[in-house]
Amino acid sequence: MVIASILPETGFIRLPTVLQLIPVSRSHWWAGVRDGRFPKGVKISDRCTAWRIEDIRALIERTAKDAEAATAKSRVPAANQNASE
């Protein structure tokens, strides 16, 4: 997987790196953190926030699984509809 070659196993990454992996805007990211859709960061200092690599990996995996499930779910009714005709 490409992510494995980009990210070390553990550690922290800052927002510019997160946004390279999760293709959303800065404002969308922060709204997602507030809403609980995205992981909360860790304050490294007063003006520096970073995210645990493990949390970002989990978000990517969860998003991929949700997308696969949505795709599979959208295909099921079409298959059932053809069977009833």
PDB file of N, CA and C in Angstrom:
ATOM      1  N   MET A   1       0.837  -1.170   0.000  1.00  0.00           N
ATOM      2  CA  MET A   1       0.000   0.000   0.000  1.00  0.00           C
ATOM      3  C   MET A   1       0.884   1.236   0.000  1.00  0.00           C
ATOM      4  N   VAL A   2       0.487   2.267  -0.700  1.00  0.00           N
ATOM      5  CA  VAL A   2       1.277   3.483  -0.827  1.00  0.00           C
ATOM      6  C   VAL A   2       1.460   4.174   0.512  1.00  0.00           C
ATOM      7  N   ILE A   3       0.420   4.168   1.333  1.00  0.00           N
ATOM      8  CA  ILE A   3       0.491   4.843   2.628  1.00  0.00           C
ATOM      9  C   ILE A   3       1.609   4.264   3.483  1.00  0.00           C
ATOM     10  N   ALA A   4       1.793   2.970   3.426  1.00  0.00           N
ATOM     11  CA  ALA A   4       2.841   2.325   4.216  1.00  0.00           C
ATOM     12  C   ALA A   4       4.216   2.855   3.840  1.00  0.00           C
ATOM     13  N   SER A   5       4.419   3.193   2.578  1.00  0.00           N
ATOM     14  CA  SER A   5       5.722   3.697   2.160  1.00  0.00           C
ATOM     15  C   SER A   5       5.904   5.171   2.520  1.00  0.00           C
ATOM     16  N   ILE A   6       4.802   5.905   2.723  1.00  0.00           N
ATOM     17  CA  ILE A   6       4.889   7.325   3.046  1.00  0.00           C
ATOM     18  C   ILE A   6       5.059   7.547   4.544  1.00  0.00           C
ATOM     19  N   LEU A   7       4.331   6.785   5.334  1.00  0.00           N
ATOM     20  CA  LEU A   7       4.281   7.016   6.774  1.00  0.00           C
ATOM     21  C   LEU A   7       5.079   5.983   7.557  1.00  0.00           C
ATOM     22  N   PRO A   8       5.775   6.431   8.585  1.00  0.00           N
ATOM     23  CA  PRO A   8       6.377   5.455   9.492  1.00  0.00           C
ATOM     24  C   PRO A   8       5.279   4.753  10.286  1.00  0.00           C
ATOM     25  N   GLU A   9       5.606   3.726  11.014  1.00  0.00           N
ATOM     26  CA  GLU A   9       4.614   2.966  11.778  1.00  0.00           C
ATOM     27  C   GLU A   9       3.965   3.799  12.876  1.00  0.00           C
ATOM     28  N   THR A  10       4.763   4.577  13.584  1.00  0.00           N
ATOM     29  CA  THR A  10       4.239   5.389  14.685  1.00  0.00           C
ATOM     30  C   THR A  10       4.837   6.778  14.609  1.00  0.00           C
ATOM     31  N   GLY A  11       4.287   7.653  15.397  1.00  0.00           N
ATOM     32  CA  GLY A  11       4.795   9.019  15.444  1.00  0.00           C
ATOM     33  C   GLY A  11       3.674  10.014  15.225  1.00  0.00           C
ATOM     34  N   PHE A  12       4.063  11.222  14.867  1.00  0.00           N
ATOM     35  CA  PHE A  12       3.112  12.298  14.661  1.00  0.00           C
ATOM     36  C   PHE A  12       3.350  12.947  13.309  1.00  0.00           C
ATOM     37  N   ILE A  13       2.267  13.468  12.724  1.00  0.00           N
ATOM     38  CA  ILE A  13       2.398  14.242  11.494  1.00  0.00           C
ATOM     39  C   ILE A  13       1.600  15.526  11.647  1.00  0.00           C
ATOM     40  N   ARG A  14       2.050  16.554  10.955  1.00  0.00           N
ATOM     41  CA  ARG A  14       1.385  17.852  11.005  1.00  0.00           C
ATOM     42  C   ARG A  14       0.348  17.942   9.899  1.00  0.00           C
ATOM     43  N   LEU A  15      -0.474  18.977   9.972  1.00  0.00           N
ATOM     44  CA  LEU A  15      -1.616  19.119   9.079  1.00  0.00           C
ATOM     45  C   LEU A  15      -1.265  19.099   7.587  1.00  0.00           C
ATOM     46  N   PRO A  16      -0.220  19.766   7.122  1.00  0.00           N
ATOM     47  CA  PRO A  16       0.070  19.689   5.680  1.00  0.00           C
ATOM     48  C   PRO A  16       0.264  18.250   5.179  1.00  0.00           C
ATOM     49  N   THR A  17       0.874  17.414   5.993  1.00  0.00           N
ATOM     50  CA  THR A  17       1.059  16.010   5.609  1.00  0.00           C
ATOM     51  C   THR A  17      -0.261  15.260   5.656  1.00  0.00           C
ATOM     52  N   VAL A  18      -1.076  15.539   6.673  1.00  0.00           N
ATOM     53  CA  VAL A  18      -2.403  14.909   6.755  1.00  0.00           C
ATOM     54  C   VAL A  18      -3.199  15.232   5.498  1.00  0.00           C
ATOM     55  N   LEU A  19      -3.164  16.496   5.071  1.00  0.00           N
ATOM     56  CA  LEU A  19      -3.957  16.922   3.920  1.00  0.00           C
ATOM     57  C   LEU A  19      -3.424  16.367   2.599  1.00  0.00           C
ATOM     58  N   GLN A  20      -2.195  15.910   2.573  1.00  0.00           N
ATOM     59  CA  GLN A  20      -1.690  15.205   1.391  1.00  0.00           C
ATOM     60  C   GLN A  20      -2.321  13.823   1.296  1.00  0.00           C
ATOM     61  N   LEU A  21      -2.652  13.240   2.441  1.00  0.00           N
ATOM     62  CA  LEU A  21      -3.217  11.892   2.484  1.00  0.00           C
ATOM     63  C   LEU A  21      -4.739  11.893   2.430  1.00  0.00           C
ATOM     64  N   ILE A  22      -5.365  12.892   3.034  1.00  0.00           N
ATOM     65  CA  ILE A  22      -6.821  13.016   3.081  1.00  0.00           C
ATOM     66  C   ILE A  22      -7.172  14.240   2.232  1.00  0.00           C
ATOM     67  N   PRO A  23      -7.723  14.050   1.053  1.00  0.00           N
ATOM     68  CA  PRO A  23      -7.911  15.173   0.119  1.00  0.00           C
ATOM     69  C   PRO A  23      -9.111  16.065   0.462  1.00  0.00           C
ATOM     70  N   VAL A  24      -8.966  16.838   1.525  1.00  0.00           N
ATOM     71  CA  VAL A  24      -9.984  17.816   1.908  1.00  0.00           C
ATOM     72  C   VAL A  24      -9.279  19.140   2.198  1.00  0.00           C
ATOM     73  N   SER A  25     -10.068  20.210   2.263  1.00  0.00           N
ATOM     74  CA  SER A  25      -9.484  21.514   2.577  1.00  0.00           C
ATOM     75  C   SER A  25      -9.179  21.611   4.068  1.00  0.00           C
ATOM     76  N   ARG A  26      -8.375  22.598   4.397  1.00  0.00           N
ATOM     77  CA  ARG A  26      -8.047  22.848   5.798  1.00  0.00           C
ATOM     78  C   ARG A  26      -9.304  23.079   6.626  1.00  0.00           C
ATOM     79  N   SER A  27     -10.205  23.920   6.125  1.00  0.00           N
ATOM     80  CA  SER A  27     -11.417  24.245   6.886  1.00  0.00           C
ATOM     81  C   SER A  27     -12.320  23.022   7.036  1.00  0.00           C
ATOM     82  N   HIS A  28     -12.397  22.187   5.988  1.00  0.00           N
ATOM     83  CA  HIS A  28     -13.199  20.960   6.080  1.00  0.00           C
ATOM     84  C   HIS A  28     -12.584  20.017   7.119  1.00  0.00           C
ATOM     85  N   TRP A  29     -11.263  19.933   7.145  1.00  0.00           N
ATOM     86  CA  TRP A  29     -10.590  19.079   8.124  1.00  0.00           C
ATOM     87  C   TRP A  29     -10.928  19.527   9.547  1.00  0.00           C
ATOM     88  N   TRP A  30     -10.765  20.838   9.822  1.00  0.00           N
ATOM     89  CA  TRP A  30     -11.022  21.326  11.175  1.00  0.00           C
ATOM     90  C   TRP A  30     -12.491  21.169  11.561  1.00  0.00           C
ATOM     91  N   ALA A  31     -13.408  21.349  10.615  1.00  0.00           N
ATOM     92  CA  ALA A  31     -14.832  21.117  10.897  1.00  0.00           C
ATOM     93  C   ALA A  31     -15.059  19.647  11.237  1.00  0.00           C
ATOM     94  N   GLY A  32     -14.385  18.751  10.518  1.00  0.00           N
ATOM     95  CA  GLY A  32     -14.493  17.320  10.790  1.00  0.00           C
ATOM     96  C   GLY A  32     -13.932  16.936  12.149  1.00  0.00           C
ATOM     97  N   VAL A  33     -12.868  17.597  12.565  1.00  0.00           N
ATOM     98  CA  VAL A  33     -12.303  17.352  13.900  1.00  0.00           C
ATOM     99  C   VAL A  33     -13.318  17.799  14.956  1.00  0.00           C
ATOM    100  N   ARG A  34     -13.906  18.978  14.758  1.00  0.00           N
ATOM    101  CA  ARG A  34     -14.916  19.474  15.714  1.00  0.00           C
ATOM    102  C   ARG A  34     -16.124  18.550  15.783  1.00  0.00           C
ATOM    103  N   ASP A  35     -16.562  18.025  14.614  1.00  0.00           N
ATOM    104  CA  ASP A  35     -17.751  17.159  14.552  1.00  0.00           C
ATOM    105  C   ASP A  35     -17.476  15.723  14.985  1.00  0.00           C
ATOM    106  N   GLY A  36     -16.195  15.355  15.099  1.00  0.00           N
ATOM    107  CA  GLY A  36     -15.857  13.990  15.480  1.00  0.00           C
ATOM    108  C   GLY A  36     -15.699  13.041  14.298  1.00  0.00           C
ATOM    109  N   ARG A  37     -15.769  13.557  13.067  1.00  0.00           N
ATOM    110  CA  ARG A  37     -15.561  12.708  11.884  1.00  0.00           C
ATOM    111  C   ARG A  37     -14.086  12.384  11.682  1.00  0.00           C
ATOM    112  N   PHE A  38     -13.222  13.300  12.097  1.00  0.00           N
ATOM    113  CA  PHE A  38     -11.782  13.126  11.966  1.00  0.00           C
ATOM    114  C   PHE A  38     -11.164  13.111  13.363  1.00  0.00           C
ATOM    115  N   PRO A  39     -10.010  12.465  13.517  1.00  0.00           N
ATOM    116  CA  PRO A  39      -9.402  12.373  14.852  1.00  0.00           C
ATOM    117  C   PRO A  39      -8.929  13.728  15.374  1.00  0.00           C
ATOM    118  N   LYS A  40      -8.970  13.863  16.679  1.00  0.00           N
ATOM    119  CA  LYS A  40      -8.458  15.077  17.310  1.00  0.00           C
ATOM    120  C   LYS A  40      -6.942  15.042  17.297  1.00  0.00           C
ATOM    121  N   GLY A  41      -6.362  16.208  17.175  1.00  0.00           N
ATOM    122  CA  GLY A  41      -4.919  16.314  17.192  1.00  0.00           C
ATOM    123  C   GLY A  41      -4.371  16.358  18.606  1.00  0.00           C
ATOM    124  N   VAL A  42      -3.076  16.317  18.686  1.00  0.00           N
ATOM    125  CA  VAL A  42      -2.352  16.407  19.953  1.00  0.00           C
ATOM    126  C   VAL A  42      -1.599  17.730  19.929  1.00  0.00           C
ATOM    127  N   LYS A  43      -1.807  18.547  20.953  1.00  0.00           N
ATOM    128  CA  LYS A  43      -1.102  19.824  21.026  1.00  0.00           C
ATOM    129  C   LYS A  43       0.355  19.564  21.407  1.00  0.00           C
ATOM    130  N   ILE A  44       1.237  19.853  20.491  1.00  0.00           N
ATOM    131  CA  ILE A  44       2.669  19.704  20.740  1.00  0.00           C
ATOM    132  C   ILE A  44       3.185  20.941  21.481  1.00  0.00           C
ATOM    133  N   SER A  45       2.638  22.094  21.124  1.00  0.00           N
ATOM    134  CA  SER A  45       2.932  23.349  21.815  1.00  0.00           C
ATOM    135  C   SER A  45       1.709  24.247  21.654  1.00  0.00           C
ATOM    136  N   ASP A  46       1.801  25.485  22.120  1.00  0.00           N
ATOM    137  CA  ASP A  46       0.654  26.392  22.033  1.00  0.00           C
ATOM    138  C   ASP A  46       0.152  26.569  20.601  1.00  0.00           C
ATOM    139  N   ARG A  47       1.060  26.603  19.655  1.00  0.00           N
ATOM    140  CA  ARG A  47       0.674  26.879  18.270  1.00  0.00           C
ATOM    141  C   ARG A  47       0.932  25.716  17.324  1.00  0.00           C
ATOM    142  N   CYS A  48       1.123  24.542  17.863  1.00  0.00           N
ATOM    143  CA  CYS A  48       1.469  23.391  17.026  1.00  0.00           C
ATOM    144  C   CYS A  48       0.609  22.186  17.391  1.00  0.00           C
ATOM    145  N   THR A  49      -0.156  21.708  16.403  1.00  0.00           N
ATOM    146  CA  THR A  49      -0.972  20.512  16.582  1.00  0.00           C
ATOM    147  C   THR A  49      -0.471  19.452  15.617  1.00  0.00           C
ATOM    148  N   ALA A  50      -0.432  18.228  16.074  1.00  0.00           N
ATOM    149  CA  ALA A  50      -0.035  17.104  15.224  1.00  0.00           C
ATOM    150  C   ALA A  50      -1.028  15.971  15.452  1.00  0.00           C
ATOM    151  N   TRP A  51      -1.009  14.997  14.552  1.00  0.00           N
ATOM    152  CA  TRP A  51      -1.909  13.846  14.665  1.00  0.00           C
ATOM    153  C   TRP A  51      -1.100  12.574  14.747  1.00  0.00           C
ATOM    154  N   ARG A  52      -1.591  11.654  15.567  1.00  0.00           N
ATOM    155  CA  ARG A  52      -0.943  10.344  15.690  1.00  0.00           C
ATOM    156  C   ARG A  52      -1.084   9.624  14.355  1.00  0.00           C
ATOM    157  N   ILE A  53      -0.015   9.077  13.861  1.00  0.00           N
ATOM    158  CA  ILE A  53      -0.039   8.348  12.596  1.00  0.00           C
ATOM    159  C   ILE A  53      -1.030   7.193  12.670  1.00  0.00           C
ATOM    160  N   GLU A  54      -1.110   6.544  13.815  1.00  0.00           N
ATOM    161  CA  GLU A  54      -2.044   5.425  13.965  1.00  0.00           C
ATOM    162  C   GLU A  54      -3.488   5.876  13.746  1.00  0.00           C
ATOM    163  N   ASP A  55      -3.835   7.082  14.228  1.00  0.00           N
ATOM    164  CA  ASP A  55      -5.192   7.605  14.050  1.00  0.00           C
ATOM    165  C   ASP A  55      -5.483   7.912  12.584  1.00  0.00           C
ATOM    166  N   ILE A  56      -4.495   8.449  11.884  1.00  0.00           N
ATOM    167  CA  ILE A  56      -4.677   8.772  10.464  1.00  0.00           C
ATOM    168  C   ILE A  56      -4.789   7.490   9.649  1.00  0.00           C
ATOM    169  N   ARG A  57      -3.967   6.498   9.961  1.00  0.00           N
ATOM    170  CA  ARG A  57      -4.079   5.204   9.272  1.00  0.00           C
ATOM    171  C   ARG A  57      -5.467   4.594   9.486  1.00  0.00           C
ATOM    172  N   ALA A  58      -5.960   4.651  10.719  1.00  0.00           N
ATOM    173  CA  ALA A  58      -7.287   4.098  11.027  1.00  0.00           C
ATOM    174  C   ALA A  58      -8.375   4.848  10.261  1.00  0.00           C
ATOM    175  N   LEU A  59      -8.255   6.163  10.153  1.00  0.00           N
ATOM    176  CA  LEU A  59      -9.222   6.955   9.390  1.00  0.00           C
ATOM    177  C   LEU A  59      -9.224   6.544   7.923  1.00  0.00           C
ATOM    178  N   ILE A  60      -8.055   6.367   7.350  1.00  0.00           N
ATOM    179  CA  ILE A  60      -7.954   5.967   5.945  1.00  0.00           C
ATOM    180  C   ILE A  60      -8.576   4.591   5.744  1.00  0.00           C
ATOM    181  N   GLU A  61      -8.269   3.664   6.627  1.00  0.00           N
ATOM    182  CA  GLU A  61      -8.833   2.305   6.522  1.00  0.00           C
ATOM    183  C   GLU A  61     -10.352   2.335   6.657  1.00  0.00           C
ATOM    184  N   ARG A  62     -10.847   3.089   7.651  1.00  0.00           N
ATOM    185  CA  ARG A  62     -12.294   3.170   7.882  1.00  0.00           C
ATOM    186  C   ARG A  62     -13.002   3.801   6.682  1.00  0.00           C
ATOM    187  N   THR A  63     -12.413   4.843   6.126  1.00  0.00           N
ATOM    188  CA  THR A  63     -13.002   5.515   4.970  1.00  0.00           C
ATOM    189  C   THR A  63     -13.042   4.578   3.774  1.00  0.00           C
ATOM    190  N   ALA A  64     -11.981   3.809   3.570  1.00  0.00           N
ATOM    191  CA  ALA A  64     -11.947   2.855   2.456  1.00  0.00           C
ATOM    192  C   ALA A  64     -13.006   1.775   2.638  1.00  0.00           C
ATOM    193  N   LYS A  65     -13.151   1.257   3.854  1.00  0.00           N
ATOM    194  CA  LYS A  65     -14.164   0.226   4.118  1.00  0.00           C
ATOM    195  C   LYS A  65     -15.568   0.774   3.924  1.00  0.00           C
ATOM    196  N   ASP A  66     -15.810   2.007   4.395  1.00  0.00           N
ATOM    197  CA  ASP A  66     -17.128   2.624   4.221  1.00  0.00           C
ATOM    198  C   ASP A  66     -17.451   2.816   2.744  1.00  0.00           C
ATOM    199  N   ALA A  67     -16.457   3.215   1.960  1.00  0.00           N
ATOM    200  CA  ALA A  67     -16.667   3.408   0.524  1.00  0.00           C
ATOM    201  C   ALA A  67     -16.962   2.076  -0.162  1.00  0.00           C
ATOM    202  N   GLU A  68     -16.234   1.029   0.214  1.00  0.00           N
ATOM    203  CA  GLU A  68     -16.486  -0.298  -0.363  1.00  0.00           C
ATOM    204  C   GLU A  68     -17.879  -0.792  -0.005  1.00  0.00           C
ATOM    205  N   ALA A  69     -18.288  -0.585   1.238  1.00  0.00           N
ATOM    206  CA  ALA A  69     -19.617  -1.024   1.675  1.00  0.00           C
ATOM    207  C   ALA A  69     -20.710  -0.258   0.941  1.00  0.00           C
ATOM    208  N   ALA A  70     -20.518   1.036   0.748  1.00  0.00           N
ATOM    209  CA  ALA A  70     -21.509   1.843   0.035  1.00  0.00           C
ATOM    210  C   ALA A  70     -21.611   1.410  -1.418  1.00  0.00           C
ATOM    211  N   THR A  71     -20.483   1.091  -2.032  1.00  0.00           N
ATOM    212  CA  THR A  71     -20.484   0.627  -3.416  1.00  0.00           C
ATOM    213  C   THR A  71     -21.188  -0.713  -3.521  1.00  0.00           C
ATOM    214  N   ALA A  72     -20.884  -1.624  -2.621  1.00  0.00           N
ATOM    215  CA  ALA A  72     -21.520  -2.946  -2.633  1.00  0.00           C
ATOM    216  C   ALA A  72     -23.018  -2.820  -2.375  1.00  0.00           C
ATOM    217  N   LYS A  73     -23.391  -1.949  -1.461  1.00  0.00           N
ATOM    218  CA  LYS A  73     -24.805  -1.765  -1.126  1.00  0.00           C
ATOM    219  C   LYS A  73     -25.572  -1.190  -2.309  1.00  0.00           C
ATOM    220  N   SER A  74     -24.959  -0.281  -3.046  1.00  0.00           N
ATOM    221  CA  SER A  74     -25.650   0.319  -4.188  1.00  0.00           C
ATOM    222  C   SER A  74     -25.804  -0.672  -5.335  1.00  0.00           C
ATOM    223  N   ARG A  75     -24.977  -1.688  -5.384  1.00  0.00           N
ATOM    224  CA  ARG A  75     -25.071  -2.704  -6.440  1.00  0.00           C
ATOM    225  C   ARG A  75     -26.123  -3.763  -6.130  1.00  0.00           C
ATOM    226  N   VAL A  76     -26.389  -4.044  -4.874  1.00  0.00           N
ATOM    227  CA  VAL A  76     -27.316  -5.108  -4.480  1.00  0.00           C
ATOM    228  C   VAL A  76     -28.726  -4.881  -5.005  1.00  0.00           C
ATOM    229  N   PRO A  77     -29.348  -3.710  -4.844  1.00  0.00           N
ATOM    230  CA  PRO A  77     -30.709  -3.533  -5.347  1.00  0.00           C
ATOM    231  C   PRO A  77     -30.818  -3.747  -6.856  1.00  0.00           C
ATOM    232  N   ALA A  78     -29.816  -3.347  -7.604  1.00  0.00           N
ATOM    233  CA  ALA A  78     -29.852  -3.544  -9.050  1.00  0.00           C
ATOM    234  C   ALA A  78     -29.864  -5.034  -9.380  1.00  0.00           C
ATOM    235  N   ALA A  79     -29.102  -5.828  -8.668  1.00  0.00           N
ATOM    236  CA  ALA A  79     -29.072  -7.274  -8.900  1.00  0.00           C
ATOM    237  C   ALA A  79     -30.411  -7.896  -8.524  1.00  0.00           C
ATOM    238  N   ASN A  80     -30.990  -7.472  -7.416  1.00  0.00           N
ATOM    239  CA  ASN A  80     -32.291  -7.996  -6.995  1.00  0.00           C
ATOM    240  C   ASN A  80     -33.400  -7.591  -7.948  1.00  0.00           C
ATOM    241  N   GLN A  81     -33.313  -6.400  -8.493  1.00  0.00           N
ATOM    242  CA  GLN A  81     -34.331  -5.915  -9.414  1.00  0.00           C
ATOM    243  C   GLN A  81     -34.327  -6.749 -10.692  1.00  0.00           C
ATOM    244  N   ASN A  82     -33.160  -7.085 -11.209  1.00  0.00           N
ATOM    245  CA  ASN A  82     -33.068  -7.901 -12.420  1.00  0.00           C
ATOM    246  C   ASN A  82     -33.593  -9.308 -12.177  1.00  0.00           C
ATOM    247  N   ALA A  83     -33.413  -9.827 -10.984  1.00  0.00           N
ATOM    248  CA  ALA A  83     -33.862 -11.184 -10.674  1.00  0.00           C
ATOM    249  C   ALA A  83     -35.384 -11.272 -10.631  1.00  0.00           C
ATOM    250  N   SER A  84     -36.057 -10.181 -10.261  1.00  0.00           N
ATOM    251  CA  SER A  84     -37.514 -10.225 -10.146  1.00  0.00           C
ATOM    252  C   SER A  84     -38.217  -9.992 -11.473  1.00  0.00           C
ATOM    253  N   GLU A  85     -37.504  -9.549 -12.483  1.00  0.00           N
ATOM    254  CA  GLU A  85     -38.134  -9.282 -13.786  1.00  0.00           C
ATOM    255  C   GLU A  85     -38.297 -10.526 -14.610  1.00  0.00           C
TER     256      GLU A  85
END
